[in-house]
Amino acid sequence: MAFERACAVSEVPADEALGVTIGPLDLAIARDGEEFYALQDLCSHAAVALSEGEVVDCQIECWLHGSHFDLRTGKPTSFPATEPVATFPVEVRGEDLYVDTATTLNGVTPD
């Protein structure tokens, strides 16, 4: 595993996601309580940034058409999206979040 620093814990809002870029990947970093998640920052339905949507009940909403994705699995939980987005391992190290972009948790290959 090759974890890279994504951001400070304090930068991730409680009800929104934070868009970050690590290497060639754009990621949406989100939190649910004290748990942190990293997803590819690209809706599988309309190719817009998920980091611009709201985070509620361990889901992120795509702002364009309203699809919701589970932060843990990347699977869509509402239409119009039907395909999952890639999810990545996250580690909290002190005050910072690190993401392993070389490994997907759900087997989805990032676009």
PDB file of N, CA and C in Angstrom:
ATOM      1  N   MET A   1       0.840  -1.179   0.000  1.00  0.00           N
ATOM      2  CA  MET A   1       0.000   0.000   0.000  1.00  0.00           C
ATOM      3  C   MET A   1       0.881   1.237   0.000  1.00  0.00           C
ATOM      4  N   ALA A   2       0.467   2.224  -0.780  1.00  0.00           N
ATOM      5  CA  ALA A   2       1.237   3.449  -0.911  1.00  0.00           C
ATOM      6  C   ALA A   2       0.366   4.638  -0.507  1.00  0.00           C
ATOM      7  N   PHE A   3       0.275   4.885   0.781  1.00  0.00           N
ATOM      8  CA  PHE A   3      -0.547   5.986   1.265  1.00  0.00           C
ATOM      9  C   PHE A   3       0.143   7.323   1.019  1.00  0.00           C
ATOM     10  N   GLU A   4      -0.663   8.306   0.567  1.00  0.00           N
ATOM     11  CA  GLU A   4      -0.172   9.663   0.350  1.00  0.00           C
ATOM     12  C   GLU A   4      -1.074  10.626   1.109  1.00  0.00           C
ATOM     13  N   ARG A   5      -0.486  11.711   1.586  1.00  0.00           N
ATOM     14  CA  ARG A   5      -1.267  12.700   2.332  1.00  0.00           C
ATOM     15  C   ARG A   5      -2.306  13.329   1.411  1.00  0.00           C
ATOM     16  N   ALA A   6      -3.551  13.392   1.897  1.00  0.00           N
ATOM     17  CA  ALA A   6      -4.637  14.002   1.128  1.00  0.00           C
ATOM     18  C   ALA A   6      -4.984  15.394   1.647  1.00  0.00           C
ATOM     19  N   CYS A   7      -5.059  15.527   2.972  1.00  0.00           N
ATOM     20  CA  CYS A   7      -5.458  16.797   3.566  1.00  0.00           C
ATOM     21  C   CYS A   7      -5.365  16.691   5.078  1.00  0.00           C
ATOM     22  N   ALA A   8      -5.637  17.792   5.748  1.00  0.00           N
ATOM     23  CA  ALA A   8      -5.745  17.786   7.209  1.00  0.00           C
ATOM     24  C   ALA A   8      -7.152  17.333   7.589  1.00  0.00           C
ATOM     25  N   VAL A   9      -7.269  16.639   8.704  1.00  0.00           N
ATOM     26  CA  VAL A   9      -8.573  16.212   9.206  1.00  0.00           C
ATOM     27  C   VAL A   9      -9.502  17.413   9.330  1.00  0.00           C
ATOM     28  N   SER A  10      -8.989  18.523   9.807  1.00  0.00           N
ATOM     29  CA  SER A  10      -9.799  19.722  10.045  1.00  0.00           C
ATOM     30  C   SER A  10     -10.351  20.346   8.764  1.00  0.00           C
ATOM     31  N   GLU A  11      -9.819  19.988   7.617  1.00  0.00           N
ATOM     32  CA  GLU A  11     -10.289  20.549   6.347  1.00  0.00           C
ATOM     33  C   GLU A  11     -11.567  19.888   5.828  1.00  0.00           C
ATOM     34  N   VAL A  12     -11.917  18.732   6.367  1.00  0.00           N
ATOM     35  CA  VAL A  12     -13.076  17.986   5.854  1.00  0.00           C
ATOM     36  C   VAL A  12     -14.326  18.400   6.628  1.00  0.00           C
ATOM     37  N   PRO A  13     -15.261  19.096   5.960  1.00  0.00           N
ATOM     38  CA  PRO A  13     -16.479  19.544   6.643  1.00  0.00           C
ATOM     39  C   PRO A  13     -17.385  18.369   7.011  1.00  0.00           C
ATOM     40  N   ALA A  14     -18.297  18.608   7.948  1.00  0.00           N
ATOM     41  CA  ALA A  14     -19.185  17.551   8.432  1.00  0.00           C
ATOM     42  C   ALA A  14     -20.272  17.167   7.437  1.00  0.00           C
ATOM     43  N   ASP A  15     -20.734  18.086   6.603  1.00  0.00           N
ATOM     44  CA  ASP A  15     -21.872  17.791   5.728  1.00  0.00           C
ATOM     45  C   ASP A  15     -21.578  18.024   4.252  1.00  0.00           C
ATOM     46  N   GLU A  16     -20.310  18.140   3.926  1.00  0.00           N
ATOM     47  CA  GLU A  16     -19.880  18.314   2.539  1.00  0.00           C
ATOM     48  C   GLU A  16     -18.627  17.473   2.336  1.00  0.00           C
ATOM     49  N   ALA A  17     -18.171  17.382   1.116  1.00  0.00           N
ATOM     50  CA  ALA A  17     -16.926  16.682   0.825  1.00  0.00           C
ATOM     51  C   ALA A  17     -15.864  17.691   0.437  1.00  0.00           C
ATOM     52  N   LEU A  18     -14.637  17.257   0.487  1.00  0.00           N
ATOM     53  CA  LEU A  18     -13.512  18.082   0.082  1.00  0.00           C
ATOM     54  C   LEU A  18     -12.895  17.458  -1.152  1.00  0.00           C
ATOM     55  N   GLY A  19     -12.760  18.213  -2.220  1.00  0.00           N
ATOM     56  CA  GLY A  19     -12.117  17.726  -3.431  1.00  0.00           C
ATOM     57  C   GLY A  19     -10.611  17.889  -3.325  1.00  0.00           C
ATOM     58  N   VAL A  20      -9.873  16.804  -3.562  1.00  0.00           N
ATOM     59  CA  VAL A  20      -8.408  16.848  -3.552  1.00  0.00           C
ATOM     60  C   VAL A  20      -7.895  16.077  -4.757  1.00  0.00           C
ATOM     61  N   THR A  21      -6.667  16.365  -5.135  1.00  0.00           N
ATOM     62  CA  THR A  21      -6.025  15.644  -6.225  1.00  0.00           C
ATOM     63  C   THR A  21      -4.762  14.989  -5.695  1.00  0.00           C
ATOM     64  N   ILE A  22      -4.638  13.688  -5.928  1.00  0.00           N
ATOM     65  CA  ILE A  22      -3.426  12.947  -5.584  1.00  0.00           C
ATOM     66  C   ILE A  22      -2.955  12.280  -6.865  1.00  0.00           C
ATOM     67  N   GLY A  23      -1.802  12.708  -7.351  1.00  0.00           N
ATOM     68  CA  GLY A  23      -1.321  12.199  -8.624  1.00  0.00           C
ATOM     69  C   GLY A  23      -2.342  12.500  -9.704  1.00  0.00           C
ATOM     70  N   PRO A  24      -2.718  11.494 -10.505  1.00  0.00           N
ATOM     71  CA  PRO A  24      -3.682  11.736 -11.582  1.00  0.00           C
ATOM     72  C   PRO A  24      -5.147  11.642 -11.139  1.00  0.00           C
ATOM     73  N   LEU A  25      -5.385  11.314  -9.861  1.00  0.00           N
ATOM     74  CA  LEU A  25      -6.756  11.078  -9.412  1.00  0.00           C
ATOM     75  C   LEU A  25      -7.352  12.260  -8.665  1.00  0.00           C
ATOM     76  N   ASP A  26      -8.595  12.585  -9.030  1.00  0.00           N
ATOM     77  CA  ASP A  26      -9.384  13.542  -8.264  1.00  0.00           C
ATOM     78  C   ASP A  26     -10.233  12.738  -7.290  1.00  0.00           C
ATOM     79  N   LEU A  27     -10.169  13.105  -6.016  1.00  0.00           N
ATOM     80  CA  LEU A  27     -10.882  12.376  -4.971  1.00  0.00           C
ATOM     81  C   LEU A  27     -11.829  13.290  -4.220  1.00  0.00           C
ATOM     82  N   ALA A  28     -12.911  12.703  -3.728  1.00  0.00           N
ATOM     83  CA  ALA A  28     -13.813  13.376  -2.802  1.00  0.00           C
ATOM     84  C   ALA A  28     -13.538  12.758  -1.435  1.00  0.00           C
ATOM     85  N   ILE A  29     -13.111  13.578  -0.490  1.00  0.00           N
ATOM     86  CA  ILE A  29     -12.865  13.121   0.875  1.00  0.00           C
ATOM     87  C   ILE A  29     -14.065  13.546   1.708  1.00  0.00           C
ATOM     88  N   ALA A  30     -14.691  12.592   2.390  1.00  0.00           N
ATOM     89  CA  ALA A  30     -15.898  12.881   3.157  1.00  0.00           C
ATOM     90  C   ALA A  30     -15.793  12.235   4.529  1.00  0.00           C
ATOM     91  N   ARG A  31     -16.634  12.723   5.426  1.00  0.00           N
ATOM     92  CA  ARG A  31     -16.664  12.153   6.771  1.00  0.00           C
ATOM     93  C   ARG A  31     -18.097  11.836   7.164  1.00  0.00           C
ATOM     94  N   ASP A  32     -18.219  10.816   7.995  1.00  0.00           N
ATOM     95  CA  ASP A  32     -19.484  10.479   8.635  1.00  0.00           C
ATOM     96  C   ASP A  32     -19.132  10.287  10.094  1.00  0.00           C
ATOM     97  N   GLY A  33     -19.450  11.251  10.918  1.00  0.00           N
ATOM     98  CA  GLY A  33     -19.010  11.227  12.309  1.00  0.00           C
ATOM     99  C   GLY A  33     -17.500  11.337  12.371  1.00  0.00           C
ATOM    100  N   GLU A  34     -16.870  10.334  12.949  1.00  0.00           N
ATOM    101  CA  GLU A  34     -15.411  10.323  13.049  1.00  0.00           C
ATOM    102  C   GLU A  34     -14.755   9.431  11.996  1.00  0.00           C
ATOM    103  N   GLU A  35     -15.542   8.867  11.087  1.00  0.00           N
ATOM    104  CA  GLU A  35     -15.012   8.020  10.021  1.00  0.00           C
ATOM    105  C   GLU A  35     -14.797   8.854   8.758  1.00  0.00           C
ATOM    106  N   PHE A  36     -13.712   8.558   8.047  1.00  0.00           N
ATOM    107  CA  PHE A  36     -13.379   9.282   6.828  1.00  0.00           C
ATOM    108  C   PHE A  36     -13.365   8.331   5.641  1.00  0.00           C
ATOM    109  N   TYR A  37     -13.738   8.850   4.476  1.00  0.00           N
ATOM    110  CA  TYR A  37     -13.860   8.049   3.264  1.00  0.00           C
ATOM    111  C   TYR A  37     -13.267   8.799   2.078  1.00  0.00           C
ATOM    112  N   ALA A  38     -12.758   8.033   1.116  1.00  0.00           N
ATOM    113  CA  ALA A  38     -12.233   8.615  -0.123  1.00  0.00           C
ATOM    114  C   ALA A  38     -12.886   7.902  -1.302  1.00  0.00           C
ATOM    115  N   LEU A  39     -13.469   8.680  -2.191  1.00  0.00           N
ATOM    116  CA  LEU A  39     -14.112   8.159  -3.398  1.00  0.00           C
ATOM    117  C   LEU A  39     -13.573   8.919  -4.597  1.00  0.00           C
ATOM    118  N   GLN A  40     -13.625   8.269  -5.747  1.00  0.00           N
ATOM    119  CA  GLN A  40     -13.284   8.997  -6.961  1.00  0.00           C
ATOM    120  C   GLN A  40     -14.275  10.149  -7.098  1.00  0.00           C
ATOM    121  N   ASP A  41     -13.757  11.329  -7.380  1.00  0.00           N
ATOM    122  CA  ASP A  41     -14.575  12.544  -7.423  1.00  0.00           C
ATOM    123  C   ASP A  41     -15.215  12.707  -8.790  1.00  0.00           C
ATOM    124  N   LEU A  42     -15.987  11.697  -9.188  1.00  0.00           N
ATOM    125  CA  LEU A  42     -16.608  11.709 -10.505  1.00  0.00           C
ATOM    126  C   LEU A  42     -17.861  10.838 -10.474  1.00  0.00           C
ATOM    127  N   CYS A  43     -19.014  11.461 -10.618  1.00  0.00           N
ATOM    128  CA  CYS A  43     -20.268  10.714 -10.642  1.00  0.00           C
ATOM    129  C   CYS A  43     -20.254   9.738 -11.814  1.00  0.00           C
ATOM    130  N   SER A  44     -20.658   8.503 -11.564  1.00  0.00           N
ATOM    131  CA  SER A  44     -20.651   7.492 -12.627  1.00  0.00           C
ATOM    132  C   SER A  44     -21.772   7.699 -13.640  1.00  0.00           C
ATOM    133  N   HIS A  45     -22.695   8.571 -13.350  1.00  0.00           N
ATOM    134  CA  HIS A  45     -23.799   8.829 -14.271  1.00  0.00           C
ATOM    135  C   HIS A  45     -23.523  10.019 -15.182  1.00  0.00           C
ATOM    136  N   ALA A  46     -23.050  11.129 -14.591  1.00  0.00           N
ATOM    137  CA  ALA A  46     -22.963  12.355 -15.385  1.00  0.00           C
ATOM    138  C   ALA A  46     -21.575  12.978 -15.428  1.00  0.00           C
ATOM    139  N   ALA A  47     -20.583  12.314 -14.869  1.00  0.00           N
ATOM    140  CA  ALA A  47     -19.196  12.787 -14.912  1.00  0.00           C
ATOM    141  C   ALA A  47     -19.030  14.210 -14.377  1.00  0.00           C
ATOM    142  N   VAL A  48     -19.654  14.487 -13.226  1.00  0.00           N
ATOM    143  CA  VAL A  48     -19.455  15.757 -12.529  1.00  0.00           C
ATOM    144  C   VAL A  48     -18.861  15.458 -11.154  1.00  0.00           C
ATOM    145  N   ALA A  49     -18.295  16.465 -10.527  1.00  0.00           N
ATOM    146  CA  ALA A  49     -17.609  16.297  -9.246  1.00  0.00           C
ATOM    147  C   ALA A  49     -18.573  15.980  -8.102  1.00  0.00           C
ATOM    148  N   LEU A  50     -18.374  14.826  -7.483  1.00  0.00           N
ATOM    149  CA  LEU A  50     -19.171  14.469  -6.316  1.00  0.00           C
ATOM    150  C   LEU A  50     -18.855  15.366  -5.125  1.00  0.00           C
ATOM    151  N   SER A  51     -17.643  15.906  -5.081  1.00  0.00           N
ATOM    152  CA  SER A  51     -17.249  16.750  -3.950  1.00  0.00           C
ATOM    153  C   SER A  51     -18.076  18.026  -3.852  1.00  0.00           C
ATOM    154  N   GLU A  52     -18.856  18.329  -4.861  1.00  0.00           N
ATOM    155  CA  GLU A  52     -19.720  19.514  -4.820  1.00  0.00           C
ATOM    156  C   GLU A  52     -21.094  19.207  -4.233  1.00  0.00           C
ATOM    157  N   GLY A  53     -21.329  17.943  -3.874  1.00  0.00           N
ATOM    158  CA  GLY A  53     -22.616  17.545  -3.320  1.00  0.00           C
ATOM    159  C   GLY A  53     -22.602  17.485  -1.803  1.00  0.00           C
ATOM    160  N   GLU A  54     -23.767  17.274  -1.225  1.00  0.00           N
ATOM    161  CA  GLU A  54     -23.914  17.169   0.223  1.00  0.00           C
ATOM    162  C   GLU A  54     -23.639  15.750   0.705  1.00  0.00           C
ATOM    163  N   VAL A  55     -23.214  15.650   1.959  1.00  0.00           N
ATOM    164  CA  VAL A  55     -22.973  14.368   2.610  1.00  0.00           C
ATOM    165  C   VAL A  55     -23.965  14.224   3.762  1.00  0.00           C
ATOM    166  N   VAL A  56     -24.789  13.161   3.707  1.00  0.00           N
ATOM    167  CA  VAL A  56     -25.789  12.911   4.739  1.00  0.00           C
ATOM    168  C   VAL A  56     -25.933  11.404   4.923  1.00  0.00           C
ATOM    169  N   ASP A  57     -25.968  10.942   6.166  1.00  0.00           N
ATOM    170  CA  ASP A  57     -26.216   9.530   6.481  1.00  0.00           C
ATOM    171  C   ASP A  57     -25.300   8.584   5.713  1.00  0.00           C
ATOM    172  N   CYS A  58     -24.013   8.865   5.717  1.00  0.00           N
ATOM    173  CA  CYS A  58     -22.987   8.027   5.080  1.00  0.00           C
ATOM    174  C   CYS A  58     -23.191   7.896   3.569  1.00  0.00           C
ATOM    175  N   GLN A  59     -23.784   8.941   2.962  1.00  0.00           N
ATOM    176  CA  GLN A  59     -23.965   8.986   1.521  1.00  0.00           C
ATOM    177  C   GLN A  59     -23.567  10.358   1.008  1.00  0.00           C
ATOM    178  N   ILE A  60     -23.115  10.388  -0.243  1.00  0.00           N
ATOM    179  CA  ILE A  60     -22.826  11.656  -0.905  1.00  0.00           C
ATOM    180  C   ILE A  60     -23.784  11.787  -2.080  1.00  0.00           C
ATOM    181  N   GLU A  61     -24.313  12.986  -2.254  1.00  0.00           N
ATOM    182  CA  GLU A  61     -25.279  13.234  -3.320  1.00  0.00           C
ATOM    183  C   GLU A  61     -24.606  13.956  -4.479  1.00  0.00           C
ATOM    184  N   CYS A  62     -24.859  13.500  -5.679  1.00  0.00           N
ATOM    185  CA  CYS A  62     -24.415  14.214  -6.871  1.00  0.00           C
ATOM    186  C   CYS A  62     -25.338  15.415  -7.051  1.00  0.00           C
ATOM    187  N   TRP A  63     -24.754  16.574  -7.128  1.00  0.00           N
ATOM    188  CA  TRP A  63     -25.534  17.810  -7.185  1.00  0.00           C
ATOM    189  C   TRP A  63     -26.318  17.975  -8.487  1.00  0.00           C
ATOM    190  N   LEU A  64     -25.908  17.302  -9.549  1.00  0.00           N
ATOM    191  CA  LEU A  64     -26.529  17.542 -10.846  1.00  0.00           C
ATOM    192  C   LEU A  64     -27.883  16.842 -11.016  1.00  0.00           C
ATOM    193  N   HIS A  65     -27.912  15.527 -10.767  1.00  0.00           N
ATOM    194  CA  HIS A  65     -29.151  14.773 -10.974  1.00  0.00           C
ATOM    195  C   HIS A  65     -29.679  14.080  -9.723  1.00  0.00           C
ATOM    196  N   GLY A  66     -28.981  14.230  -8.600  1.00  0.00           N
ATOM    197  CA  GLY A  66     -29.502  13.710  -7.342  1.00  0.00           C
ATOM    198  C   GLY A  66     -29.168  12.272  -7.007  1.00  0.00           C
ATOM    199  N   SER A  67     -28.304  11.618  -7.766  1.00  0.00           N
ATOM    200  CA  SER A  67     -27.888  10.266  -7.391  1.00  0.00           C
ATOM    201  C   SER A  67     -27.159  10.319  -6.043  1.00  0.00           C
ATOM    202  N   HIS A  68     -27.318   9.264  -5.261  1.00  0.00           N
ATOM    203  CA  HIS A  68     -26.609   9.143  -3.993  1.00  0.00           C
ATOM    204  C   HIS A  68     -25.683   7.935  -4.067  1.00  0.00           C
ATOM    205  N   PHE A  69     -24.509   8.053  -3.424  1.00  0.00           N
ATOM    206  CA  PHE A  69     -23.537   6.969  -3.378  1.00  0.00           C
ATOM    207  C   PHE A  69     -23.172   6.691  -1.928  1.00  0.00           C
ATOM    208  N   ASP A  70     -23.101   5.405  -1.569  1.00  0.00           N
ATOM    209  CA  ASP A  70     -22.681   5.005  -0.233  1.00  0.00           C
ATOM    210  C   ASP A  70     -21.189   5.310  -0.083  1.00  0.00           C
ATOM    211  N   LEU A  71     -20.817   6.034   0.968  1.00  0.00           N
ATOM    212  CA  LEU A  71     -19.417   6.389   1.181  1.00  0.00           C
ATOM    213  C   LEU A  71     -18.538   5.167   1.417  1.00  0.00           C
ATOM    214  N   ARG A  72     -19.094   4.105   2.008  1.00  0.00           N
ATOM    215  CA  ARG A  72     -18.313   2.911   2.347  1.00  0.00           C
ATOM    216  C   ARG A  72     -18.041   2.023   1.146  1.00  0.00           C
ATOM    217  N   THR A  73     -19.022   1.928   0.235  1.00  0.00           N
ATOM    218  CA  THR A  73     -18.920   0.964  -0.866  1.00  0.00           C
ATOM    219  C   THR A  73     -18.808   1.613  -2.242  1.00  0.00           C
ATOM    220  N   GLY A  74     -19.180   2.870  -2.354  1.00  0.00           N
ATOM    221  CA  GLY A  74     -19.204   3.539  -3.651  1.00  0.00           C
ATOM    222  C   GLY A  74     -20.415   3.181  -4.497  1.00  0.00           C
ATOM    223  N   LYS A  75     -21.277   2.301  -3.991  1.00  0.00           N
ATOM    224  CA  LYS A  75     -22.449   1.874  -4.759  1.00  0.00           C
ATOM    225  C   LYS A  75     -23.524   2.956  -4.758  1.00  0.00           C
ATOM    226  N   PRO A  76     -24.192   3.124  -5.910  1.00  0.00           N
ATOM    227  CA  PRO A  76     -25.299   4.082  -5.945  1.00  0.00           C
ATOM    228  C   PRO A  76     -26.476   3.555  -5.135  1.00  0.00           C
ATOM    229  N   THR A  77     -27.120   4.454  -4.409  1.00  0.00           N
ATOM    230  CA  THR A  77     -28.282   4.069  -3.612  1.00  0.00           C
ATOM    231  C   THR A  77     -29.556   4.709  -4.137  1.00  0.00           C
ATOM    232  N   SER A  78     -29.421   5.489  -5.218  1.00  0.00           N
ATOM    233  CA  SER A  78     -30.597   6.057  -5.883  1.00  0.00           C
ATOM    234  C   SER A  78     -30.254   6.333  -7.346  1.00  0.00           C
ATOM    235  N   PHE A  79     -31.289   6.391  -8.159  1.00  0.00           N
ATOM    236  CA  PHE A  79     -31.127   6.672  -9.579  1.00  0.00           C
ATOM    237  C   PHE A  79     -30.899   8.160  -9.786  1.00  0.00           C
ATOM    238  N   PRO A  80     -30.356   8.575 -10.925  1.00  0.00           N
ATOM    239  CA  PRO A  80     -30.190   7.806 -12.143  1.00  0.00           C
ATOM    240  C   PRO A  80     -28.900   6.991 -12.219  1.00  0.00           C
ATOM    241  N   ALA A  81     -27.942   7.156 -11.298  1.00  0.00           N
ATOM    242  CA  ALA A  81     -26.698   6.370 -11.361  1.00  0.00           C
ATOM    243  C   ALA A  81     -26.993   4.893 -11.107  1.00  0.00           C
ATOM    244  N   THR A  82     -26.312   4.032 -11.858  1.00  0.00           N
ATOM    245  CA  THR A  82     -26.454   2.584 -11.672  1.00  0.00           C
ATOM    246  C   THR A  82     -25.106   1.899 -11.465  1.00  0.00           C
ATOM    247  N   GLU A  83     -24.010   2.615 -11.704  1.00  0.00           N
ATOM    248  CA  GLU A  83     -22.667   2.054 -11.558  1.00  0.00           C
ATOM    249  C   GLU A  83     -21.961   2.663 -10.343  1.00  0.00           C
ATOM    250  N   PRO A  84     -21.176   1.870  -9.609  1.00  0.00           N
ATOM    251  CA  PRO A  84     -20.460   2.396  -8.446  1.00  0.00           C
ATOM    252  C   PRO A  84     -19.268   3.267  -8.853  1.00  0.00           C
ATOM    253  N   VAL A  85     -18.775   4.030  -7.891  1.00  0.00           N
ATOM    254  CA  VAL A  85     -17.538   4.793  -8.063  1.00  0.00           C
ATOM    255  C   VAL A  85     -16.465   4.136  -7.205  1.00  0.00           C
ATOM    256  N   ALA A  86     -15.217   4.311  -7.584  1.00  0.00           N
ATOM    257  CA  ALA A  86     -14.103   3.701  -6.854  1.00  0.00           C
ATOM    258  C   ALA A  86     -13.977   4.299  -5.459  1.00  0.00           C
ATOM    259  N   THR A  87     -13.679   3.439  -4.485  1.00  0.00           N
ATOM    260  CA  THR A  87     -13.411   3.870  -3.115  1.00  0.00           C
ATOM    261  C   THR A  87     -12.002   3.427  -2.737  1.00  0.00           C
ATOM    262  N   PHE A  88     -11.376   4.175  -1.842  1.00  0.00           N
ATOM    263  CA  PHE A  88      -9.969   3.954  -1.505  1.00  0.00           C
ATOM    264  C   PHE A  88      -9.767   3.910   0.003  1.00  0.00           C
ATOM    265  N   PRO A  89      -8.745   3.154   0.467  1.00  0.00           N
ATOM    266  CA  PRO A  89      -8.442   3.111   1.897  1.00  0.00           C
ATOM    267  C   PRO A  89      -7.975   4.474   2.410  1.00  0.00           C
ATOM    268  N   VAL A  90      -8.416   4.806   3.617  1.00  0.00           N
ATOM    269  CA  VAL A  90      -8.045   6.057   4.272  1.00  0.00           C
ATOM    270  C   VAL A  90      -7.461   5.743   5.642  1.00  0.00           C
ATOM    271  N   GLU A  91      -6.405   6.433   6.009  1.00  0.00           N
ATOM    272  CA  GLU A  91      -5.823   6.332   7.349  1.00  0.00           C
ATOM    273  C   GLU A  91      -5.719   7.721   7.947  1.00  0.00           C
ATOM    274  N   VAL A  92      -6.056   7.812   9.236  1.00  0.00           N
ATOM    275  CA  VAL A  92      -5.831   9.041   9.981  1.00  0.00           C
ATOM    276  C   VAL A  92      -4.486   8.879  10.673  1.00  0.00           C
ATOM    277  N   ARG A  93      -3.602   9.835  10.417  1.00  0.00           N
ATOM    278  CA  ARG A  93      -2.288   9.845  11.044  1.00  0.00           C
ATOM    279  C   ARG A  93      -2.109  11.202  11.717  1.00  0.00           C
ATOM    280  N   GLY A  94      -2.329  11.218  13.006  1.00  0.00           N
ATOM    281  CA  GLY A  94      -2.270  12.485  13.729  1.00  0.00           C
ATOM    282  C   GLY A  94      -3.374  13.402  13.262  1.00  0.00           C
ATOM    283  N   GLU A  95      -3.011  14.551  12.725  1.00  0.00           N
ATOM    284  CA  GLU A  95      -3.974  15.545  12.247  1.00  0.00           C
ATOM    285  C   GLU A  95      -4.219  15.470  10.744  1.00  0.00           C
ATOM    286  N   ASP A  96      -3.647  14.464  10.081  1.00  0.00           N
ATOM    287  CA  ASP A  96      -3.743  14.371   8.629  1.00  0.00           C
ATOM    288  C   ASP A  96      -4.431  13.093   8.170  1.00  0.00           C
ATOM    289  N   LEU A  97      -4.994  13.155   6.954  1.00  0.00           N
ATOM    290  CA  LEU A  97      -5.601  11.992   6.310  1.00  0.00           C
ATOM    291  C   LEU A  97      -4.710  11.543   5.169  1.00  0.00           C
ATOM    292  N   TYR A  98      -4.518  10.241   5.075  1.00  0.00           N
ATOM    293  CA  TYR A  98      -3.731   9.645   4.008  1.00  0.00           C
ATOM    294  C   TYR A  98      -4.608   8.673   3.236  1.00  0.00           C
ATOM    295  N   VAL A  99      -4.437   8.636   1.919  1.00  0.00           N
ATOM    296  CA  VAL A  99      -5.231   7.772   1.046  1.00  0.00           C
ATOM    297  C   VAL A  99      -4.291   6.915   0.213  1.00  0.00           C
ATOM    298  N   ASP A 100      -4.641   5.632   0.080  1.00  0.00           N
ATOM    299  CA  ASP A 100      -3.898   4.713  -0.791  1.00  0.00           C
ATOM    300  C   ASP A 100      -4.606   4.678  -2.141  1.00  0.00           C
ATOM    301  N   THR A 101      -4.108   5.447  -3.099  1.00  0.00           N
ATOM    302  CA  THR A 101      -4.756   5.515  -4.408  1.00  0.00           C
ATOM    303  C   THR A 101      -4.403   4.336  -5.317  1.00  0.00           C
ATOM    304  N   ALA A 102      -3.476   3.499  -4.872  1.00  0.00           N
ATOM    305  CA  ALA A 102      -3.098   2.335  -5.675  1.00  0.00           C
ATOM    306  C   ALA A 102      -4.020   1.139  -5.420  1.00  0.00           C
ATOM    307  N   THR A 103      -4.873   1.237  -4.394  1.00  0.00           N
ATOM    308  CA  THR A 103      -5.729   0.137  -4.003  1.00  0.00           C
ATOM    309  C   THR A 103      -7.180   0.610  -3.919  1.00  0.00           C
ATOM    310  N   THR A 104      -8.095  -0.048  -4.622  1.00  0.00           N
ATOM    311  CA  THR A 104      -9.503   0.273  -4.451  1.00  0.00           C
ATOM    312  C   THR A 104     -10.119  -0.744  -3.514  1.00  0.00           C
ATOM    313  N   LEU A 105     -11.024  -0.279  -2.663  1.00  0.00           N
ATOM    314  CA  LEU A 105     -11.675  -1.157  -1.700  1.00  0.00           C
ATOM    315  C   LEU A 105     -12.784  -1.982  -2.330  1.00  0.00           C
ATOM    316  N   ASN A 106     -13.373  -1.470  -3.408  1.00  0.00           N
ATOM    317  CA  ASN A 106     -14.525  -2.130  -4.001  1.00  0.00           C
ATOM    318  C   ASN A 106     -14.248  -2.742  -5.376  1.00  0.00           C
ATOM    319  N   GLY A 107     -12.994  -2.728  -5.813  1.00  0.00           N
ATOM    320  CA  GLY A 107     -12.644  -3.352  -7.081  1.00  0.00           C
ATOM    321  C   GLY A 107     -12.978  -2.549  -8.324  1.00  0.00           C
ATOM    322  N   VAL A 108     -13.525  -1.348  -8.149  1.00  0.00           N
ATOM    323  CA  VAL A 108     -13.868  -0.493  -9.289  1.00  0.00           C
ATOM    324  C   VAL A 108     -12.604   0.227  -9.744  1.00  0.00           C
ATOM    325  N   THR A 109     -12.314   0.157 -11.023  1.00  0.00           N
ATOM    326  CA  THR A 109     -11.145   0.850 -11.576  1.00  0.00           C
ATOM    327  C   THR A 109     -11.512   2.305 -11.836  1.00  0.00           C
ATOM    328  N   PRO A 110     -10.717   3.245 -11.297  1.00  0.00           N
ATOM    329  CA  PRO A 110     -11.029   4.650 -11.540  1.00  0.00           C
ATOM    330  C   PRO A 110     -10.912   5.013 -13.019  1.00  0.00           C
ATOM    331  N   ASP A 111     -11.798   5.881 -13.465  1.00  0.00           N
ATOM    332  CA  ASP A 111     -11.763   6.357 -14.857  1.00  0.00           C
ATOM    333  C   ASP A 111     -10.631   7.336 -15.057  1.00  0.00           C
TER     334      ASP A 111
END
